[in-house]
Amino acid sequence: MSGFLLVEKERMPLKKENMPLIQIEPYRPPGLLPAVVFIIFTSLL
């Protein structure tokens, strides 16, 4: 999981610093679907 975050940070450092949780926050209220998708995606790597 930390390795994936490191890769994302290296790929787009400016985006990560400018909006750290903007992409994650809006998806929290609807449910756990994004979290499940993220876990499945990381376990596939």
C-alpha atoms as a PDB file:
ATOM      1  CA  MET A   1       0.000   0.000   0.000  1.00  0.00           C
ATOM      2  CA  SER A   2       2.795   2.442   0.906  1.00  0.00           C
ATOM      3  CA  GLY A   3       4.617   1.482  -2.280  1.00  0.00           C
ATOM      4  CA  PHE A   4       1.574   2.361  -4.360  1.00  0.00           C
ATOM      5  CA  LEU A   5       1.335   5.756  -2.643  1.00  0.00           C
ATOM      6  CA  LEU A   6       5.034   6.358  -3.295  1.00  0.00           C
ATOM      7  CA  VAL A   7       4.578   5.571  -6.984  1.00  0.00           C
ATOM      8  CA  GLU A   8       1.593   7.929  -7.180  1.00  0.00           C
ATOM      9  CA  LYS A   9       3.548  10.672  -5.419  1.00  0.00           C
ATOM     10  CA  GLU A  10       6.463  10.261  -7.831  1.00  0.00           C
ATOM     11  CA  ARG A  11       4.187  10.229 -10.877  1.00  0.00           C
ATOM     12  CA  MET A  12       2.319  13.424  -9.978  1.00  0.00           C
ATOM     13  CA  PRO A  13       3.844  15.239  -6.981  1.00  0.00           C
ATOM     14  CA  LEU A  14       2.211  18.594  -7.736  1.00  0.00           C
ATOM     15  CA  LYS A  15      -1.268  17.095  -7.886  1.00  0.00           C
ATOM     16  CA  LYS A  16      -0.740  15.204  -4.622  1.00  0.00           C
ATOM     17  CA  GLU A  17       0.424  18.336  -2.808  1.00  0.00           C
ATOM     18  CA  ASN A  18      -2.242  20.644  -4.236  1.00  0.00           C
ATOM     19  CA  MET A  19      -5.213  18.345  -3.561  1.00  0.00           C
ATOM     20  CA  PRO A  20      -4.319  15.570  -1.095  1.00  0.00           C
ATOM     21  CA  LEU A  21      -7.825  14.376  -0.149  1.00  0.00           C
ATOM     22  CA  ILE A  22     -10.076  16.257  -2.566  1.00  0.00           C
ATOM     23  CA  GLN A  23     -10.500  13.146  -4.728  1.00  0.00           C
ATOM     24  CA  ILE A  24     -11.102  10.848  -1.743  1.00  0.00           C
ATOM     25  CA  GLU A  25     -13.398  13.040   0.390  1.00  0.00           C
ATOM     26  CA  PRO A  26     -16.407  13.272  -1.981  1.00  0.00           C
ATOM     27  CA  TYR A  27     -16.557   9.474  -2.286  1.00  0.00           C
ATOM     28  CA  ARG A  28     -16.731   8.830   1.463  1.00  0.00           C
ATOM     29  CA  PRO A  29     -20.430   9.608   2.162  1.00  0.00           C
ATOM     30  CA  PRO A  30     -21.981   7.335  -0.545  1.00  0.00           C
ATOM     31  CA  GLY A  31     -20.391   4.153   0.821  1.00  0.00           C
ATOM     32  CA  LEU A  32     -17.363   1.878   0.961  1.00  0.00           C
ATOM     33  CA  LEU A  33     -17.310   1.027  -2.745  1.00  0.00           C
ATOM     34  CA  PRO A  34     -14.234   3.183  -3.572  1.00  0.00           C
ATOM     35  CA  ALA A  35     -12.365   1.714  -0.602  1.00  0.00           C
ATOM     36  CA  VAL A  36     -13.166  -1.834  -1.742  1.00  0.00           C
ATOM     37  CA  VAL A  37     -12.095  -0.996  -5.304  1.00  0.00           C
ATOM     38  CA  PHE A  38      -8.850   0.528  -3.993  1.00  0.00           C
ATOM     39  CA  ILE A  39      -8.122  -2.536  -1.851  1.00  0.00           C
ATOM     40  CA  ILE A  40      -8.813  -4.883  -4.766  1.00  0.00           C
ATOM     41  CA  PHE A  41      -6.664  -2.771  -7.093  1.00  0.00           C
ATOM     42  CA  THR A  42      -3.733  -2.707  -4.657  1.00  0.00           C
ATOM     43  CA  SER A  43      -3.975  -6.443  -3.967  1.00  0.00           C
ATOM     44  CA  LEU A  44      -3.719  -7.094  -7.714  1.00  0.00           C
ATOM     45  CA  LEU A  45      -0.355  -5.309  -7.951  1.00  0.00           C
END
